[in-house]
Amino acid sequence: MSDKPIVAIMYDFDKTLCTKDMQDYTFIPSLSMKSSDFWAVANGFGRDEHMDSILAYMYTMIQKSKEKNIPLLRETLVNNGKDIEFYKGVTEWFDRVNQYGALIGVSVEHYIISSGLKEIIEGSSISEKFKEIFACEFYYDETGHAVWPKTAVNYTNKTQFVYRINKGVLDVANDIDLNRSMPDDSKRVPFTNMIYIGDGLSDVPCMKMMKAYGGQSIAVYNENNKEKVEQLLIEDRVDFIFPADYSKDGALDKTMKNILRKIAIQNDLFDENSRQIKAIENK
């Protein structure tokens, strides 16, 4: 174990860090559509065609843009990110958590694992806070128009990105190293040093993964999904639930600091145990 253990905090994005689906801020209004209408079309198309819901919404984005004669360009989606509204305390959260981690001897890294769009997240005011953003992304043709899903992150395959962080294999094109057998003590970020923050059922696979392997999972809620999140706690699918308030000294902030202290102590105890064993073996 290194002198300064790494802690990975992984976040969903929509309704976890920002207040609604990221397409609802700018993209859907640019089509002169209501958000409810767009999602009804996308979800209905997915059901009718027995299609993955993430691929269905990406296809609908391309098709509706064509119908409205509005180019779906990467730079346009990145610019959409500027209009994202975050929950209270989010913009200050990352630096604050990093500073606290450094104070107690751990290095904190932040990751996004989202079924939203990487392009929009990259245009947001917090994009530089993340070591890596795992999210859906379009492939663009030679004219710069979106033509095909380059990466699709659905609710179940979110877990592969947890494994990527665990092993330090962050290139989504590198499946060879991801699937290669690796001793637990050589993995870059142990599961016990991982924390996942999400907002609902789409995050359950990652939350359950944390509980199974010794990490921590947190669900945040607003006034619209509190009951669903409470049910996750009752069903033992998540460790903690909090209002989506990332403010300093708030309930989420205090619990995150407690978790980081716990991880720091566990790593110190592991190091001491290893030191004692080594000293005995070297007698």
C-alpha atoms as a PDB file:
ATOM      1  CA  MET A   1       0.000   0.000   0.000  1.00  0.00           C
ATOM      2  CA  SER A   2       1.361   3.435  -0.923  1.00  0.00           C
ATOM      3  CA  ASP A   3       2.254   6.135   1.586  1.00  0.00           C
ATOM      4  CA  LYS A   4      -0.663   8.179   0.288  1.00  0.00           C
ATOM      5  CA  PRO A   5      -3.583   5.897  -0.592  1.00  0.00           C
ATOM      6  CA  ILE A   6      -5.929   6.894  -3.401  1.00  0.00           C
ATOM      7  CA  VAL A   7      -9.636   7.333  -2.732  1.00  0.00           C
ATOM      8  CA  ALA A   8     -11.981   7.350  -5.740  1.00  0.00           C
ATOM      9  CA  ILE A   9     -15.301   9.176  -5.430  1.00  0.00           C
ATOM     10  CA  MET A  10     -17.588   8.285  -8.341  1.00  0.00           C
ATOM     11  CA  TYR A  11     -20.675  10.283  -9.259  1.00  0.00           C
ATOM     12  CA  ASP A  12     -23.689   9.920 -11.440  1.00  0.00           C
ATOM     13  CA  PHE A  13     -24.410  13.354 -12.970  1.00  0.00           C
ATOM     14  CA  ASP A  14     -28.047  14.042 -13.817  1.00  0.00           C
ATOM     15  CA  LYS A  15     -30.068  14.728 -10.648  1.00  0.00           C
ATOM     16  CA  THR A  16     -27.027  13.787  -8.571  1.00  0.00           C
ATOM     17  CA  LEU A  17     -24.868  16.867  -9.173  1.00  0.00           C
ATOM     18  CA  CYS A  18     -27.195  18.880 -11.420  1.00  0.00           C
ATOM     19  CA  THR A  19     -30.884  19.531 -10.871  1.00  0.00           C
ATOM     20  CA  LYS A  20     -32.381  17.704 -13.892  1.00  0.00           C
ATOM     21  CA  ASP A  21     -31.438  15.774 -17.019  1.00  0.00           C
ATOM     22  CA  MET A  22     -28.650  17.689 -18.749  1.00  0.00           C
ATOM     23  CA  GLN A  23     -30.466  17.752 -22.110  1.00  0.00           C
ATOM     24  CA  ASP A  24     -33.352  19.601 -20.464  1.00  0.00           C
ATOM     25  CA  TYR A  25     -31.386  22.821 -19.939  1.00  0.00           C
ATOM     26  CA  THR A  26     -30.559  23.809 -23.520  1.00  0.00           C
ATOM     27  CA  PHE A  27     -30.645  20.990 -26.058  1.00  0.00           C
ATOM     28  CA  ILE A  28     -34.337  20.077 -25.874  1.00  0.00           C
ATOM     29  CA  PRO A  29     -35.535  23.732 -25.756  1.00  0.00           C
ATOM     30  CA  SER A  30     -33.421  24.349 -28.888  1.00  0.00           C
ATOM     31  CA  LEU A  31     -35.698  21.830 -30.663  1.00  0.00           C
ATOM     32  CA  SER A  32     -38.752  23.848 -29.589  1.00  0.00           C
ATOM     33  CA  MET A  33     -39.890  20.831 -27.596  1.00  0.00           C
ATOM     34  CA  LYS A  34     -40.955  20.295 -24.007  1.00  0.00           C
ATOM     35  CA  SER A  35     -38.692  17.973 -22.041  1.00  0.00           C
ATOM     36  CA  SER A  36     -41.595  15.661 -21.297  1.00  0.00           C
ATOM     37  CA  ASP A  37     -42.405  15.389 -25.010  1.00  0.00           C
ATOM     38  CA  PHE A  38     -38.825  14.614 -26.022  1.00  0.00           C
ATOM     39  CA  TRP A  39     -38.404  11.892 -23.408  1.00  0.00           C
ATOM     40  CA  ALA A  40     -41.794  10.418 -24.278  1.00  0.00           C
ATOM     41  CA  VAL A  41     -40.661  10.095 -27.907  1.00  0.00           C
ATOM     42  CA  ALA A  42     -37.251   8.643 -26.962  1.00  0.00           C
ATOM     43  CA  ASN A  43     -38.610   6.184 -24.412  1.00  0.00           C
ATOM     44  CA  GLY A  44     -41.519   5.182 -26.638  1.00  0.00           C
ATOM     45  CA  PHE A  45     -39.164   4.538 -29.543  1.00  0.00           C
ATOM     46  CA  GLY A  46     -36.973   2.389 -27.303  1.00  0.00           C
ATOM     47  CA  ARG A  47     -39.923   0.326 -26.103  1.00  0.00           C
ATOM     48  CA  ASP A  48     -41.390  -0.128 -29.596  1.00  0.00           C
ATOM     49  CA  GLU A  49     -38.060  -1.238 -31.040  1.00  0.00           C
ATOM     50  CA  HIS A  50     -36.991  -3.288 -27.973  1.00  0.00           C
ATOM     51  CA  MET A  51     -33.933  -1.065 -27.869  1.00  0.00           C
ATOM     52  CA  ASP A  52     -31.546  -0.080 -25.109  1.00  0.00           C
ATOM     53  CA  SER A  53     -33.000   3.111 -23.638  1.00  0.00           C
ATOM     54  CA  ILE A  54     -29.674   4.953 -23.818  1.00  0.00           C
ATOM     55  CA  LEU A  55     -29.195   4.174 -27.508  1.00  0.00           C
ATOM     56  CA  ALA A  56     -32.816   5.184 -28.061  1.00  0.00           C
ATOM     57  CA  TYR A  57     -32.358   8.665 -26.598  1.00  0.00           C
ATOM     58  CA  MET A  58     -29.120   9.199 -28.535  1.00  0.00           C
ATOM     59  CA  TYR A  59     -30.842   8.154 -31.769  1.00  0.00           C
ATOM     60  CA  THR A  60     -33.737  10.490 -30.977  1.00  0.00           C
ATOM     61  CA  MET A  61     -31.319  13.388 -30.470  1.00  0.00           C
ATOM     62  CA  ILE A  62     -29.892  12.805 -33.946  1.00  0.00           C
ATOM     63  CA  GLN A  63     -33.273  12.370 -35.610  1.00  0.00           C
ATOM     64  CA  LYS A  64     -34.976  15.353 -33.975  1.00  0.00           C
ATOM     65  CA  SER A  65     -32.007  17.568 -34.833  1.00  0.00           C
ATOM     66  CA  LYS A  66     -32.334  16.499 -38.482  1.00  0.00           C
ATOM     67  CA  GLU A  67     -36.082  17.150 -38.457  1.00  0.00           C
ATOM     68  CA  LYS A  68     -35.529  20.658 -37.121  1.00  0.00           C
ATOM     69  CA  ASN A  69     -32.580  21.225 -39.484  1.00  0.00           C
ATOM     70  CA  ILE A  70     -30.352  21.983 -36.503  1.00  0.00           C
ATOM     71  CA  PRO A  71     -26.796  20.599 -36.825  1.00  0.00           C
ATOM     72  CA  LEU A  72     -25.900  18.277 -33.950  1.00  0.00           C
ATOM     73  CA  LEU A  73     -22.267  19.275 -33.512  1.00  0.00           C
ATOM     74  CA  ARG A  74     -19.833  18.458 -30.740  1.00  0.00           C
ATOM     75  CA  GLU A  75     -19.083  22.104 -30.060  1.00  0.00           C
ATOM     76  CA  THR A  76     -22.806  22.813 -29.738  1.00  0.00           C
ATOM     77  CA  LEU A  77     -23.242  20.123 -27.102  1.00  0.00           C
ATOM     78  CA  VAL A  78     -20.155  21.314 -25.223  1.00  0.00           C
ATOM     79  CA  ASN A  79     -21.598  24.826 -25.191  1.00  0.00           C
ATOM     80  CA  ASN A  80     -24.832  23.389 -23.756  1.00  0.00           C
ATOM     81  CA  GLY A  81     -22.844  22.464 -20.663  1.00  0.00           C
ATOM     82  CA  LYS A  82     -22.453  26.114 -19.728  1.00  0.00           C
ATOM     83  CA  ASP A  83     -26.145  26.307 -18.819  1.00  0.00           C
ATOM     84  CA  ILE A  84     -26.173  23.429 -16.338  1.00  0.00           C
ATOM     85  CA  GLU A  85     -27.427  24.313 -12.865  1.00  0.00           C
ATOM     86  CA  PHE A  86     -25.903  22.468  -9.940  1.00  0.00           C
ATOM     87  CA  TYR A  87     -27.194  21.644  -6.502  1.00  0.00           C
ATOM     88  CA  LYS A  88     -26.147  23.840  -3.619  1.00  0.00           C
ATOM     89  CA  GLY A  89     -22.457  23.530  -2.738  1.00  0.00           C
ATOM     90  CA  VAL A  90     -21.451  21.387  -5.735  1.00  0.00           C
ATOM     91  CA  THR A  91     -19.038  23.859  -7.336  1.00  0.00           C
ATOM     92  CA  GLU A  92     -17.018  24.184  -4.103  1.00  0.00           C
ATOM     93  CA  TRP A  93     -17.324  20.553  -3.067  1.00  0.00           C
ATOM     94  CA  PHE A  94     -14.425  19.008  -4.985  1.00  0.00           C
ATOM     95  CA  ASP A  95     -11.647  21.321  -3.815  1.00  0.00           C
ATOM     96  CA  ARG A  96     -12.964  21.127  -0.247  1.00  0.00           C
ATOM     97  CA  VAL A  97     -12.970  17.329  -0.238  1.00  0.00           C
ATOM     98  CA  ASN A  98      -9.517  17.223  -1.844  1.00  0.00           C
ATOM     99  CA  GLN A  99      -8.109  19.537   0.809  1.00  0.00           C
ATOM    100  CA  TYR A 100      -9.590  17.471   3.612  1.00  0.00           C
ATOM    101  CA  GLY A 101      -8.228  14.282   2.090  1.00  0.00           C
ATOM    102  CA  ALA A 102      -4.745  15.778   1.886  1.00  0.00           C
ATOM    103  CA  LEU A 103      -5.030  16.856   5.514  1.00  0.00           C
ATOM    104  CA  ILE A 104      -5.618  13.264   6.682  1.00  0.00           C
ATOM    105  CA  GLY A 105      -3.154  11.670   4.285  1.00  0.00           C
ATOM    106  CA  VAL A 106      -5.217  10.392   1.339  1.00  0.00           C
ATOM    107  CA  SER A 107      -5.292  11.491  -2.294  1.00  0.00           C
ATOM    108  CA  VAL A 108      -8.865  11.993  -3.508  1.00  0.00           C
ATOM    109  CA  GLU A 109      -9.827  11.530  -7.157  1.00  0.00           C
ATOM    110  CA  HIS A 110     -13.244  12.305  -8.636  1.00  0.00           C
ATOM    111  CA  TYR A 111     -14.890  10.418 -11.508  1.00  0.00           C
ATOM    112  CA  ILE A 112     -18.149  10.697 -13.436  1.00  0.00           C
ATOM    113  CA  ILE A 113     -20.029   7.531 -14.436  1.00  0.00           C
ATOM    114  CA  SER A 114     -23.120   8.809 -16.247  1.00  0.00           C
ATOM    115  CA  SER A 115     -25.685   7.805 -18.842  1.00  0.00           C
ATOM    116  CA  GLY A 116     -25.738  11.460 -19.866  1.00  0.00           C
ATOM    117  CA  LEU A 117     -23.529  13.010 -22.533  1.00  0.00           C
ATOM    118  CA  LYS A 118     -19.799  13.436 -22.069  1.00  0.00           C
ATOM    119  CA  GLU A 119     -19.781  16.427 -24.422  1.00  0.00           C
ATOM    120  CA  ILE A 120     -22.250  18.375 -22.273  1.00  0.00           C
ATOM    121  CA  ILE A 121     -20.439  17.455 -19.048  1.00  0.00           C
ATOM    122  CA  GLU A 122     -17.137  18.619 -20.556  1.00  0.00           C
ATOM    123  CA  GLY A 123     -18.682  22.033 -21.176  1.00  0.00           C
ATOM    124  CA  SER A 124     -19.851  22.420 -17.585  1.00  0.00           C
ATOM    125  CA  SER A 125     -18.106  24.589 -15.006  1.00  0.00           C
ATOM    126  CA  ILE A 126     -16.939  21.561 -12.978  1.00  0.00           C
ATOM    127  CA  SER A 127     -15.547  19.360 -15.771  1.00  0.00           C
ATOM    128  CA  GLU A 128     -11.918  19.976 -14.802  1.00  0.00           C
ATOM    129  CA  LYS A 129     -12.535  18.561 -11.324  1.00  0.00           C
ATOM    130  CA  PHE A 130     -12.705  14.990 -12.631  1.00  0.00           C
ATOM    131  CA  LYS A 131      -9.825  12.645 -13.373  1.00  0.00           C
ATOM    132  CA  GLU A 132     -12.021  10.926 -15.958  1.00  0.00           C
ATOM    133  CA  ILE A 133     -15.541  11.346 -17.316  1.00  0.00           C
ATOM    134  CA  PHE A 134     -17.201   8.075 -18.318  1.00  0.00           C
ATOM    135  CA  ALA A 135     -20.410   8.959 -20.159  1.00  0.00           C
ATOM    136  CA  CYS A 136     -22.218   8.543 -23.464  1.00  0.00           C
ATOM    137  CA  GLU A 137     -20.555  10.148 -26.459  1.00  0.00           C
ATOM    138  CA  PHE A 138     -21.268  10.540 -30.173  1.00  0.00           C
ATOM    139  CA  TYR A 139     -19.006   9.740 -33.092  1.00  0.00           C
ATOM    140  CA  TYR A 140     -18.816  12.682 -35.518  1.00  0.00           C
ATOM    141  CA  ASP A 141     -18.295  12.485 -39.275  1.00  0.00           C
ATOM    142  CA  GLU A 142     -15.834  14.533 -41.316  1.00  0.00           C
ATOM    143  CA  THR A 143     -18.256  17.476 -41.349  1.00  0.00           C
ATOM    144  CA  GLY A 144     -18.508  17.457 -37.550  1.00  0.00           C
ATOM    145  CA  HIS A 145     -22.058  16.095 -37.336  1.00  0.00           C
ATOM    146  CA  ALA A 146     -23.029  13.414 -34.804  1.00  0.00           C
ATOM    147  CA  VAL A 147     -23.796  10.207 -36.689  1.00  0.00           C
ATOM    148  CA  TRP A 148     -23.401   7.263 -34.285  1.00  0.00           C
ATOM    149  CA  PRO A 149     -22.980   6.443 -30.576  1.00  0.00           C
ATOM    150  CA  LYS A 150     -19.279   6.212 -29.795  1.00  0.00           C
ATOM    151  CA  THR A 151     -19.873   5.197 -26.193  1.00  0.00           C
ATOM    152  CA  ALA A 152     -23.141   4.220 -24.540  1.00  0.00           C
ATOM    153  CA  VAL A 153     -23.272   3.950 -20.746  1.00  0.00           C
ATOM    154  CA  ASN A 154     -26.408   2.183 -19.605  1.00  0.00           C
ATOM    155  CA  TYR A 155     -27.487   1.400 -16.069  1.00  0.00           C
ATOM    156  CA  THR A 156     -25.933  -2.065 -15.940  1.00  0.00           C
ATOM    157  CA  ASN A 157     -22.664  -1.489 -17.767  1.00  0.00           C
ATOM    158  CA  LYS A 158     -21.846   1.389 -15.441  1.00  0.00           C
ATOM    159  CA  THR A 159     -20.162  -1.263 -13.303  1.00  0.00           C
ATOM    160  CA  GLN A 160     -17.432  -1.845 -15.906  1.00  0.00           C
ATOM    161  CA  PHE A 161     -16.192   1.673 -15.262  1.00  0.00           C
ATOM    162  CA  VAL A 162     -15.923   0.946 -11.549  1.00  0.00           C
ATOM    163  CA  TYR A 163     -13.630  -1.948 -12.504  1.00  0.00           C
ATOM    164  CA  ARG A 164     -11.652   0.375 -14.782  1.00  0.00           C
ATOM    165  CA  ILE A 165     -11.056   2.772 -11.899  1.00  0.00           C
ATOM    166  CA  ASN A 166     -10.221  -0.148  -9.605  1.00  0.00           C
ATOM    167  CA  LYS A 167      -7.544  -1.429 -12.003  1.00  0.00           C
ATOM    168  CA  GLY A 168      -6.416   1.942 -13.352  1.00  0.00           C
ATOM    169  CA  VAL A 169      -7.462   1.035 -16.924  1.00  0.00           C
ATOM    170  CA  LEU A 170      -9.215   4.261 -17.917  1.00  0.00           C
ATOM    171  CA  ASP A 171      -9.062   3.935 -21.716  1.00  0.00           C
ATOM    172  CA  VAL A 172     -12.497   2.612 -22.743  1.00  0.00           C
ATOM    173  CA  ALA A 173     -10.920   0.995 -25.814  1.00  0.00           C
ATOM    174  CA  ASN A 174      -8.595  -1.109 -23.648  1.00  0.00           C
ATOM    175  CA  ASP A 175     -10.566  -4.223 -22.797  1.00  0.00           C
ATOM    176  CA  ILE A 176      -7.528  -6.500 -22.737  1.00  0.00           C
ATOM    177  CA  ASP A 177      -6.023  -5.002 -19.584  1.00  0.00           C
ATOM    178  CA  LEU A 178      -9.468  -4.539 -18.053  1.00  0.00           C
ATOM    179  CA  ASN A 179     -10.192  -8.261 -18.286  1.00  0.00           C
ATOM    180  CA  ARG A 180      -6.691  -9.433 -17.381  1.00  0.00           C
ATOM    181  CA  SER A 181      -6.381 -11.164 -14.011  1.00  0.00           C
ATOM    182  CA  MET A 182      -4.741  -8.925 -11.430  1.00  0.00           C
ATOM    183  CA  PRO A 183      -3.901  -9.568  -7.756  1.00  0.00           C
ATOM    184  CA  ASP A 184      -5.963  -7.436  -5.404  1.00  0.00           C
ATOM    185  CA  ASP A 185      -2.895  -5.824  -3.842  1.00  0.00           C
ATOM    186  CA  SER A 186      -1.736  -4.536  -7.244  1.00  0.00           C
ATOM    187  CA  LYS A 187      -4.978  -2.772  -8.163  1.00  0.00           C
ATOM    188  CA  ARG A 188      -4.665   1.001  -8.271  1.00  0.00           C
ATOM    189  CA  VAL A 189      -7.735   1.827  -6.160  1.00  0.00           C
ATOM    190  CA  PRO A 190      -9.002  -0.926  -3.825  1.00  0.00           C
ATOM    191  CA  PHE A 191     -12.781  -1.295  -3.650  1.00  0.00           C
ATOM    192  CA  THR A 192     -12.537  -0.395   0.042  1.00  0.00           C
ATOM    193  CA  ASN A 193     -11.240   3.020  -1.054  1.00  0.00           C
ATOM    194  CA  MET A 194     -14.216   3.692  -3.330  1.00  0.00           C
ATOM    195  CA  ILE A 195     -17.340   5.791  -2.770  1.00  0.00           C
ATOM    196  CA  TYR A 196     -20.273   6.000  -5.197  1.00  0.00           C
ATOM    197  CA  ILE A 197     -22.829   8.832  -5.146  1.00  0.00           C
ATOM    198  CA  GLY A 198     -26.038   8.536  -7.182  1.00  0.00           C
ATOM    199  CA  ASP A 199     -29.714   9.415  -7.044  1.00  0.00           C
ATOM    200  CA  GLY A 200     -31.848   6.412  -7.889  1.00  0.00           C
ATOM    201  CA  LEU A 201     -32.521   3.013  -9.422  1.00  0.00           C
ATOM    202  CA  SER A 202     -30.163   3.570 -12.344  1.00  0.00           C
ATOM    203  CA  ASP A 203     -27.295   3.655  -9.842  1.00  0.00           C
ATOM    204  CA  VAL A 204     -28.258   0.503  -7.934  1.00  0.00           C
ATOM    205  CA  PRO A 205     -25.795  -1.835  -9.741  1.00  0.00           C
ATOM    206  CA  CYS A 206     -22.860   0.389  -8.740  1.00  0.00           C
ATOM    207  CA  MET A 207     -24.246   0.929  -5.239  1.00  0.00           C
ATOM    208  CA  LYS A 208     -24.691  -2.803  -4.675  1.00  0.00           C
ATOM    209  CA  MET A 209     -21.198  -3.368  -6.009  1.00  0.00           C
ATOM    210  CA  MET A 210     -19.820  -1.004  -3.393  1.00  0.00           C
ATOM    211  CA  LYS A 211     -21.676  -2.794  -0.600  1.00  0.00           C
ATOM    212  CA  ALA A 212     -20.516  -6.201  -1.853  1.00  0.00           C
ATOM    213  CA  TYR A 213     -16.837  -5.280  -2.063  1.00  0.00           C
ATOM    214  CA  GLY A 214     -16.411  -3.041   0.965  1.00  0.00           C
ATOM    215  CA  GLY A 215     -16.832   0.407  -0.558  1.00  0.00           C
ATOM    216  CA  GLN A 216     -19.430   3.017   0.411  1.00  0.00           C
ATOM    217  CA  SER A 217     -22.558   4.127  -1.451  1.00  0.00           C
ATOM    218  CA  ILE A 218     -24.598   7.280  -0.980  1.00  0.00           C
ATOM    219  CA  ALA A 219     -27.921   8.261  -2.558  1.00  0.00           C
ATOM    220  CA  VAL A 220     -28.946  11.911  -2.755  1.00  0.00           C
ATOM    221  CA  TYR A 221     -32.470  13.156  -3.274  1.00  0.00           C
ATOM    222  CA  ASN A 222     -34.610  16.199  -4.004  1.00  0.00           C
ATOM    223  CA  GLU A 223     -38.252  16.722  -3.137  1.00  0.00           C
ATOM    224  CA  ASN A 224     -39.360  14.638  -6.135  1.00  0.00           C
ATOM    225  CA  ASN A 225     -37.541  11.382  -5.440  1.00  0.00           C
ATOM    226  CA  LYS A 226     -37.139  11.231  -1.657  1.00  0.00           C
ATOM    227  CA  GLU A 227     -39.453   8.238  -1.197  1.00  0.00           C
ATOM    228  CA  LYS A 228     -37.667   6.191  -3.864  1.00  0.00           C
ATOM    229  CA  VAL A 229     -34.301   6.911  -2.273  1.00  0.00           C
ATOM    230  CA  GLU A 230     -35.630   6.046   1.185  1.00  0.00           C
ATOM    231  CA  GLN A 231     -36.703   2.691  -0.222  1.00  0.00           C
ATOM    232  CA  LEU A 232     -33.134   2.039  -1.385  1.00  0.00           C
ATOM    233  CA  LEU A 233     -31.950   2.462   2.196  1.00  0.00           C
ATOM    234  CA  ILE A 234     -34.694   0.216   3.602  1.00  0.00           C
ATOM    235  CA  GLU A 235     -33.830  -2.485   1.045  1.00  0.00           C
ATOM    236  CA  ASP A 236     -30.130  -2.271   1.987  1.00  0.00           C
ATOM    237  CA  ARG A 237     -29.108  -1.185  -1.502  1.00  0.00           C
ATOM    238  CA  VAL A 238     -27.285   1.908  -0.277  1.00  0.00           C
ATOM    239  CA  ASP A 239     -25.356   2.864   2.869  1.00  0.00           C
ATOM    240  CA  PHE A 240     -26.567   6.444   3.373  1.00  0.00           C
ATOM    241  CA  ILE A 241     -29.123   8.893   1.962  1.00  0.00           C
ATOM    242  CA  PHE A 242     -28.991  12.702   2.088  1.00  0.00           C
ATOM    243  CA  PRO A 243     -30.645  15.729   0.522  1.00  0.00           C
ATOM    244  CA  ALA A 244     -28.713  16.838  -2.563  1.00  0.00           C
ATOM    245  CA  ASP A 245     -26.904  19.586  -0.672  1.00  0.00           C
ATOM    246  CA  TYR A 246     -23.108  19.597  -0.949  1.00  0.00           C
ATOM    247  CA  SER A 247     -22.567  22.639   1.277  1.00  0.00           C
ATOM    248  CA  LYS A 248     -19.753  22.896   3.780  1.00  0.00           C
ATOM    249  CA  ASP A 249     -20.671  21.341   7.156  1.00  0.00           C
ATOM    250  CA  GLY A 250     -23.902  19.924   5.729  1.00  0.00           C
ATOM    251  CA  ALA A 251     -24.963  16.342   6.467  1.00  0.00           C
ATOM    252  CA  LEU A 252     -23.406  14.970   3.265  1.00  0.00           C
ATOM    253  CA  ASP A 253     -20.190  16.922   3.816  1.00  0.00           C
ATOM    254  CA  LYS A 254     -19.803  15.643   7.381  1.00  0.00           C
ATOM    255  CA  THR A 255     -20.443  12.029   6.414  1.00  0.00           C
ATOM    256  CA  MET A 256     -18.005  12.209   3.507  1.00  0.00           C
ATOM    257  CA  LYS A 257     -15.317  13.435   5.895  1.00  0.00           C
ATOM    258  CA  ASN A 258     -16.113  10.561   8.260  1.00  0.00           C
ATOM    259  CA  ILE A 259     -15.807   8.056   5.419  1.00  0.00           C
ATOM    260  CA  LEU A 260     -12.479   9.540   4.348  1.00  0.00           C
ATOM    261  CA  ARG A 261     -11.197   9.335   7.934  1.00  0.00           C
ATOM    262  CA  LYS A 262     -12.294   5.706   8.113  1.00  0.00           C
ATOM    263  CA  ILE A 263     -10.438   4.904   4.881  1.00  0.00           C
ATOM    264  CA  ALA A 264      -7.316   6.705   6.117  1.00  0.00           C
ATOM    265  CA  ILE A 265      -7.372   4.751   9.383  1.00  0.00           C
ATOM    266  CA  GLN A 266      -7.944   1.432   7.616  1.00  0.00           C
ATOM    267  CA  ASN A 267      -4.965   2.096   5.362  1.00  0.00           C
ATOM    268  CA  ASP A 268      -2.788   3.054   8.336  1.00  0.00           C
ATOM    269  CA  LEU A 269      -3.751  -0.177  10.113  1.00  0.00           C
ATOM    270  CA  PHE A 270      -3.032  -2.208   6.977  1.00  0.00           C
ATOM    271  CA  ASP A 271       0.391  -0.602   6.660  1.00  0.00           C
ATOM    272  CA  GLU A 272       1.183  -1.283  10.316  1.00  0.00           C
ATOM    273  CA  ASN A 273       0.121  -4.916   9.981  1.00  0.00           C
ATOM    274  CA  SER A 274       2.287  -5.302   6.865  1.00  0.00           C
ATOM    275  CA  ARG A 275       5.242  -3.655   8.622  1.00  0.00           C
ATOM    276  CA  GLN A 276       5.021  -6.015  11.595  1.00  0.00           C
ATOM    277  CA  ILE A 277       4.762  -9.112   9.393  1.00  0.00           C
ATOM    278  CA  LYS A 278       7.735  -7.993   7.340  1.00  0.00           C
ATOM    279  CA  ALA A 279       9.798  -7.320  10.493  1.00  0.00           C
ATOM    280  CA  ILE A 280       9.089 -10.841  11.803  1.00  0.00           C
ATOM    281  CA  GLU A 281       9.890 -12.456   8.472  1.00  0.00           C
ATOM    282  CA  ASN A 282      13.220 -10.584   8.292  1.00  0.00           C
ATOM    283  CA  LYS A 283      14.428 -11.750  11.721  1.00  0.00           C
END
